[in-house]
Amino acid sequence: MKPMNAMLQTRTAFSHNTPFSSLQRVRTPRLARWVARLLLFAFLLSPVALMFVPWQQTVQGRGQIVAFAPTERKQVVTALVGGQVRKWHVVEGSKVKLGDAIADIDDNDPELSERLEAQRKFLLSRRKAAEEEVAEQDRAVEAQEKAAAAAVGAARANRDAAGLLVDVAKQSRKNAEFAVAFEQRRF
């Protein structure tokens, strides 16, 4: 029976009519429990309520609109010349072969071929002028090399001539010394 008495004592300690005022102070107030139950009920009921709400989502924005019709859809085609498409020969999903015409293009600049030809002629003339200048520079380099070779030859000749002058001067000195010695002996 002792265990039963312990349970009864515990129950009486936590009952509402307890003499312990601190237990009554930590207990959740009745208003807070009521608000919590109301919020829980609203949370559980909101998905069911949202199933019956008509949804219409709209967004404002800027940009481009893509049409689902192939003839109205924006198409990107690269071409050798710029222009506007006059007529399409294919639609989306058409099979084409290499060289098949896809569209007729009206040229934005009908004088483009003349301008390109003039530009090509100008560039060819500049190329020819550059080639002539390279040839002229090659001739100048060749002339400089010949002048350098001639200058080296002249410098060698001058060196050889100077060497001969030195030899002549040495011989003259020997002759002068011999003459001095001869005159001293004769004196």
C-alpha atoms as a PDB file:
ATOM      1  CA  MET A   1       0.000   0.000   0.000  1.00  0.00           C
ATOM      2  CA  LYS A   2       2.869   2.278   0.370  1.00  0.00           C
ATOM      3  CA  PRO A   3       3.279   2.783  -3.369  1.00  0.00           C
ATOM      4  CA  MET A   4      -0.356   3.815  -3.651  1.00  0.00           C
ATOM      5  CA  ASN A   5       0.077   6.388  -0.921  1.00  0.00           C
ATOM      6  CA  ALA A   6       3.050   7.893  -2.786  1.00  0.00           C
ATOM      7  CA  MET A   7       0.930   8.275  -5.903  1.00  0.00           C
ATOM      8  CA  LEU A   8      -1.834   9.954  -4.001  1.00  0.00           C
ATOM      9  CA  GLN A   9       0.627  12.322  -2.441  1.00  0.00           C
ATOM     10  CA  THR A  10       2.032  13.247  -5.870  1.00  0.00           C
ATOM     11  CA  ARG A  11      -1.427  13.862  -7.218  1.00  0.00           C
ATOM     12  CA  THR A  12      -2.352  16.112  -4.425  1.00  0.00           C
ATOM     13  CA  ALA A  13       0.897  18.046  -4.832  1.00  0.00           C
ATOM     14  CA  PHE A  14       0.082  18.919  -8.465  1.00  0.00           C
ATOM     15  CA  SER A  15      -3.643  19.485  -8.159  1.00  0.00           C
ATOM     16  CA  HIS A  16      -5.229  22.861  -8.668  1.00  0.00           C
ATOM     17  CA  ASN A  17      -5.947  23.299  -5.039  1.00  0.00           C
ATOM     18  CA  THR A  18      -2.352  22.978  -3.955  1.00  0.00           C
ATOM     19  CA  PRO A  19      -0.931  25.160  -1.246  1.00  0.00           C
ATOM     20  CA  PHE A  20       2.254  25.693  -3.326  1.00  0.00           C
ATOM     21  CA  SER A  21       1.953  29.081  -4.962  1.00  0.00           C
ATOM     22  CA  SER A  22       5.048  28.613  -7.174  1.00  0.00           C
ATOM     23  CA  LEU A  23       3.380  25.686  -8.987  1.00  0.00           C
ATOM     24  CA  GLN A  24       0.397  27.879  -9.760  1.00  0.00           C
ATOM     25  CA  ARG A  25       2.683  30.599 -11.124  1.00  0.00           C
ATOM     26  CA  VAL A  26       4.525  28.345 -13.620  1.00  0.00           C
ATOM     27  CA  ARG A  27       1.350  26.858 -14.935  1.00  0.00           C
ATOM     28  CA  THR A  28       0.353  28.077 -18.480  1.00  0.00           C
ATOM     29  CA  PRO A  29      -2.430  30.647 -18.300  1.00  0.00           C
ATOM     30  CA  ARG A  30      -5.845  29.587 -19.567  1.00  0.00           C
ATOM     31  CA  LEU A  31      -5.914  32.354 -22.237  1.00  0.00           C
ATOM     32  CA  ALA A  32      -2.565  31.234 -23.713  1.00  0.00           C
ATOM     33  CA  ARG A  33      -3.774  27.625 -23.936  1.00  0.00           C
ATOM     34  CA  TRP A  34      -6.953  28.787 -25.672  1.00  0.00           C
ATOM     35  CA  VAL A  35      -4.985  30.892 -28.245  1.00  0.00           C
ATOM     36  CA  ALA A  36      -2.581  27.972 -28.905  1.00  0.00           C
ATOM     37  CA  ARG A  37      -5.486  25.601 -29.585  1.00  0.00           C
ATOM     38  CA  LEU A  38      -7.088  28.154 -31.905  1.00  0.00           C
ATOM     39  CA  LEU A  39      -3.851  28.631 -33.874  1.00  0.00           C
ATOM     40  CA  LEU A  40      -3.332  24.863 -34.182  1.00  0.00           C
ATOM     41  CA  PHE A  41      -6.893  24.457 -35.472  1.00  0.00           C
ATOM     42  CA  ALA A  42      -6.374  27.304 -38.027  1.00  0.00           C
ATOM     43  CA  PHE A  43      -3.070  25.778 -39.175  1.00  0.00           C
ATOM     44  CA  LEU A  44      -4.643  22.373 -39.756  1.00  0.00           C
ATOM     45  CA  LEU A  45      -7.724  23.819 -41.450  1.00  0.00           C
ATOM     46  CA  SER A  46      -5.868  26.244 -43.834  1.00  0.00           C
ATOM     47  CA  PRO A  47      -4.767  23.620 -46.470  1.00  0.00           C
ATOM     48  CA  VAL A  48      -8.359  22.386 -46.753  1.00  0.00           C
ATOM     49  CA  ALA A  49      -9.644  25.947 -47.142  1.00  0.00           C
ATOM     50  CA  LEU A  50      -6.976  26.803 -49.728  1.00  0.00           C
ATOM     51  CA  MET A  51      -8.116  23.923 -51.942  1.00  0.00           C
ATOM     52  CA  PHE A  52     -11.406  25.744 -52.559  1.00  0.00           C
ATOM     53  CA  VAL A  53      -9.946  29.226 -53.125  1.00  0.00           C
ATOM     54  CA  PRO A  54      -9.875  30.247 -56.822  1.00  0.00           C
ATOM     55  CA  TRP A  55      -6.276  30.943 -57.849  1.00  0.00           C
ATOM     56  CA  GLN A  56      -5.435  33.488 -60.469  1.00  0.00           C
ATOM     57  CA  GLN A  57      -1.758  34.402 -60.514  1.00  0.00           C
ATOM     58  CA  THR A  58      -0.631  37.471 -62.423  1.00  0.00           C
ATOM     59  CA  VAL A  59       2.742  39.127 -62.631  1.00  0.00           C
ATOM     60  CA  GLN A  60       3.720  42.411 -64.217  1.00  0.00           C
ATOM     61  CA  GLY A  61       6.989  42.523 -66.112  1.00  0.00           C
ATOM     62  CA  ARG A  62       8.931  43.572 -69.196  1.00  0.00           C
ATOM     63  CA  GLY A  63      10.404  41.371 -71.871  1.00  0.00           C
ATOM     64  CA  GLN A  64       9.667  39.461 -75.020  1.00  0.00           C
ATOM     65  CA  ILE A  65       6.804  37.104 -75.583  1.00  0.00           C
ATOM     66  CA  VAL A  66       7.405  33.873 -77.443  1.00  0.00           C
ATOM     67  CA  ALA A  67       4.498  32.721 -79.578  1.00  0.00           C
ATOM     68  CA  PHE A  68       3.753  29.025 -79.851  1.00  0.00           C
ATOM     69  CA  ALA A  69       2.840  29.296 -83.524  1.00  0.00           C
ATOM     70  CA  PRO A  70       6.007  28.575 -85.559  1.00  0.00           C
ATOM     71  CA  THR A  71       5.299  31.314 -88.075  1.00  0.00           C
ATOM     72  CA  GLU A  72       5.022  33.909 -85.294  1.00  0.00           C
ATOM     73  CA  ARG A  73       8.066  32.739 -83.341  1.00  0.00           C
ATOM     74  CA  LYS A  74      11.301  34.724 -83.485  1.00  0.00           C
ATOM     75  CA  GLN A  75      13.856  32.837 -85.588  1.00  0.00           C
ATOM     76  CA  VAL A  76      17.607  33.395 -85.702  1.00  0.00           C
ATOM     77  CA  VAL A  77      19.290  32.646 -89.023  1.00  0.00           C
ATOM     78  CA  THR A  78      22.821  33.617 -89.925  1.00  0.00           C
ATOM     79  CA  ALA A  79      23.483  34.896 -93.419  1.00  0.00           C
ATOM     80  CA  LEU A  80      26.413  36.338 -95.316  1.00  0.00           C
ATOM     81  CA  VAL A  81      24.654  39.696 -95.702  1.00  0.00           C
ATOM     82  CA  GLY A  82      22.294  41.532 -93.409  1.00  0.00           C
ATOM     83  CA  GLY A  83      18.752  42.213 -94.442  1.00  0.00           C
ATOM     84  CA  GLN A  84      15.095  41.541 -93.877  1.00  0.00           C
ATOM     85  CA  VAL A  85      13.364  38.260 -94.623  1.00  0.00           C
ATOM     86  CA  ARG A  86      11.073  38.653 -97.603  1.00  0.00           C
ATOM     87  CA  LYS A  87       9.795  35.086 -97.819  1.00  0.00           C
ATOM     88  CA  TRP A  88      10.305  31.882 -95.827  1.00  0.00           C
ATOM     89  CA  HIS A  89      10.732  28.670 -97.810  1.00  0.00           C
ATOM     90  CA  VAL A  90      10.593  26.405 -94.721  1.00  0.00           C
ATOM     91  CA  VAL A  91       8.600  26.104 -91.502  1.00  0.00           C
ATOM     92  CA  GLU A  92       9.637  24.673 -88.179  1.00  0.00           C
ATOM     93  CA  GLY A  93      10.182  20.948 -88.413  1.00  0.00           C
ATOM     94  CA  SER A  94      10.894  20.979 -92.159  1.00  0.00           C
ATOM     95  CA  LYS A  95      13.815  18.861 -93.302  1.00  0.00           C
ATOM     96  CA  VAL A  96      16.364  20.700 -95.407  1.00  0.00           C
ATOM     97  CA  LYS A  97      19.474  19.603 -97.239  1.00  0.00           C
ATOM     98  CA  LEU A  98      22.783  21.349 -97.567  1.00  0.00           C
ATOM     99  CA  GLY A  99      22.389  24.204-100.015  1.00  0.00           C
ATOM    100  CA  ASP A 100      18.574  24.419 -99.806  1.00  0.00           C
ATOM    101  CA  ALA A 101      17.164  27.929 -99.683  1.00  0.00           C
ATOM    102  CA  ILE A 102      15.655  28.719 -96.307  1.00  0.00           C
ATOM    103  CA  ALA A 103      14.504  32.271 -96.920  1.00  0.00           C
ATOM    104  CA  ASP A 104      14.674  35.131 -99.408  1.00  0.00           C
ATOM    105  CA  ILE A 105      16.457  38.126 -97.905  1.00  0.00           C
ATOM    106  CA  ASP A 106      16.128  41.715 -99.113  1.00  0.00           C
ATOM    107  CA  ASP A 107      19.540  43.299 -98.728  1.00  0.00           C
ATOM    108  CA  ASN A 108      19.672  46.347 -96.459  1.00  0.00           C
ATOM    109  CA  ASP A 109      22.669  47.689 -98.375  1.00  0.00           C
ATOM    110  CA  PRO A 110      22.375  47.047-102.133  1.00  0.00           C
ATOM    111  CA  GLU A 111      25.746  48.767-102.793  1.00  0.00           C
ATOM    112  CA  LEU A 112      27.573  46.430-100.436  1.00  0.00           C
ATOM    113  CA  SER A 113      29.239  44.414-103.202  1.00  0.00           C
ATOM    114  CA  GLU A 114      30.662  47.566-104.855  1.00  0.00           C
ATOM    115  CA  ARG A 115      31.974  48.836-101.536  1.00  0.00           C
ATOM    116  CA  LEU A 116      33.510  45.447-100.732  1.00  0.00           C
ATOM    117  CA  GLU A 117      35.165  45.341-104.181  1.00  0.00           C
ATOM    118  CA  ALA A 118      36.562  48.858-103.696  1.00  0.00           C
ATOM    119  CA  GLN A 119      37.825  47.861-100.265  1.00  0.00           C
ATOM    120  CA  ARG A 120      39.438  44.728-101.743  1.00  0.00           C
ATOM    121  CA  LYS A 121      41.188  46.805-104.430  1.00  0.00           C
ATOM    122  CA  PHE A 122      42.394  49.262-101.816  1.00  0.00           C
ATOM    123  CA  LEU A 123      43.765  46.473 -99.655  1.00  0.00           C
ATOM    124  CA  LEU A 124      45.478  44.855-102.667  1.00  0.00           C
ATOM    125  CA  SER A 125      47.123  48.185-103.537  1.00  0.00           C
ATOM    126  CA  ARG A 126      48.311  48.567 -99.943  1.00  0.00           C
ATOM    127  CA  ARG A 127      49.693  45.031-100.073  1.00  0.00           C
ATOM    128  CA  LYS A 128      51.519  45.778-103.339  1.00  0.00           C
ATOM    129  CA  ALA A 129      52.956  48.993-101.868  1.00  0.00           C
ATOM    130  CA  ALA A 130      54.128  47.072 -98.796  1.00  0.00           C
ATOM    131  CA  GLU A 131      55.755  44.407-101.009  1.00  0.00           C
ATOM    132  CA  GLU A 132      57.533  47.142-103.016  1.00  0.00           C
ATOM    133  CA  GLU A 133      58.760  48.740 -99.817  1.00  0.00           C
ATOM    134  CA  VAL A 134      60.071  45.374 -98.616  1.00  0.00           C
ATOM    135  CA  ALA A 135      61.897  44.932-101.944  1.00  0.00           C
ATOM    136  CA  GLU A 136      63.343  48.439-101.637  1.00  0.00           C
ATOM    137  CA  GLN A 137      64.489  47.709 -98.089  1.00  0.00           C
ATOM    138  CA  ASP A 138      66.093  44.477 -99.326  1.00  0.00           C
ATOM    139  CA  ARG A 139      67.969  46.465-101.998  1.00  0.00           C
ATOM    140  CA  ALA A 140      69.079  48.980 -99.354  1.00  0.00           C
ATOM    141  CA  VAL A 141      70.316  46.146 -97.136  1.00  0.00           C
ATOM    142  CA  GLU A 142      72.210  44.634-100.080  1.00  0.00           C
ATOM    143  CA  ALA A 143      73.776  48.029-100.877  1.00  0.00           C
ATOM    144  CA  GLN A 144      74.751  48.478 -97.217  1.00  0.00           C
ATOM    145  CA  GLU A 145      76.325  45.019 -97.194  1.00  0.00           C
ATOM    146  CA  LYS A 146      78.303  45.850-100.372  1.00  0.00           C
ATOM    147  CA  ALA A 147      79.383  49.200 -98.886  1.00  0.00           C
ATOM    148  CA  ALA A 148      80.450  47.447 -95.687  1.00  0.00           C
ATOM    149  CA  ALA A 149      82.433  44.879 -97.688  1.00  0.00           C
ATOM    150  CA  ALA A 150      84.094  47.712 -99.703  1.00  0.00           C
ATOM    151  CA  ALA A 151      84.892  49.624 -96.508  1.00  0.00           C
ATOM    152  CA  VAL A 152      86.456  46.501 -94.999  1.00  0.00           C
ATOM    153  CA  GLY A 153      88.520  46.017 -98.160  1.00  0.00           C
ATOM    154  CA  ALA A 154      89.633  49.668 -98.084  1.00  0.00           C
ATOM    155  CA  ALA A 155      90.526  49.384 -94.423  1.00  0.00           C
ATOM    156  CA  ARG A 156      92.630  46.279 -95.141  1.00  0.00           C
ATOM    157  CA  ALA A 157      94.374  48.075 -98.022  1.00  0.00           C
ATOM    158  CA  ASN A 158      95.073  51.065 -95.732  1.00  0.00           C
ATOM    159  CA  ARG A 159      96.413  48.706 -93.092  1.00  0.00           C
ATOM    160  CA  ASP A 160      98.645  46.992 -95.607  1.00  0.00           C
ATOM    161  CA  ALA A 161      99.835  50.391 -96.961  1.00  0.00           C
ATOM    162  CA  ALA A 162     100.536  51.587 -93.430  1.00  0.00           C
ATOM    163  CA  GLY A 163     102.474  48.386 -92.798  1.00  0.00           C
ATOM    164  CA  LEU A 164     104.551  49.063 -95.918  1.00  0.00           C
ATOM    165  CA  LEU A 165     105.130  52.664 -94.785  1.00  0.00           C
ATOM    166  CA  VAL A 166     106.321  51.340 -91.454  1.00  0.00           C
ATOM    167  CA  ASP A 167     108.674  48.953 -93.246  1.00  0.00           C
ATOM    168  CA  VAL A 168     109.941  51.813 -95.455  1.00  0.00           C
ATOM    169  CA  ALA A 169     110.443  53.986 -92.381  1.00  0.00           C
ATOM    170  CA  LYS A 170     112.369  51.205 -90.669  1.00  0.00           C
ATOM    171  CA  GLN A 171     114.503  50.764 -93.762  1.00  0.00           C
ATOM    172  CA  SER A 172     115.064  54.526 -93.962  1.00  0.00           C
ATOM    173  CA  ARG A 173     116.080  54.551 -90.313  1.00  0.00           C
ATOM    174  CA  LYS A 174     118.549  51.731 -90.930  1.00  0.00           C
ATOM    175  CA  ASN A 175     119.894  53.589 -93.948  1.00  0.00           C
ATOM    176  CA  ALA A 176     120.207  56.768 -91.888  1.00  0.00           C
ATOM    177  CA  GLU A 177     121.962  54.904 -89.067  1.00  0.00           C
ATOM    178  CA  PHE A 178     124.319  53.312 -91.605  1.00  0.00           C
ATOM    179  CA  ALA A 179     125.023  56.689 -93.158  1.00  0.00           C
ATOM    180  CA  VAL A 180     125.715  58.224 -89.704  1.00  0.00           C
ATOM    181  CA  ALA A 181     128.001  55.354 -88.798  1.00  0.00           C
ATOM    182  CA  PHE A 182     129.794  55.604 -92.182  1.00  0.00           C
ATOM    183  CA  GLU A 183     130.271  59.365 -91.837  1.00  0.00           C
ATOM    184  CA  GLN A 184     131.575  59.014 -88.271  1.00  0.00           C
ATOM    185  CA  ARG A 185     134.117  56.437 -89.419  1.00  0.00           C
ATOM    186  CA  ARG A 186     135.084  58.601 -92.286  1.00  0.00           C
ATOM    187  CA  PHE A 187     135.378  61.672 -90.065  1.00  0.00           C
END
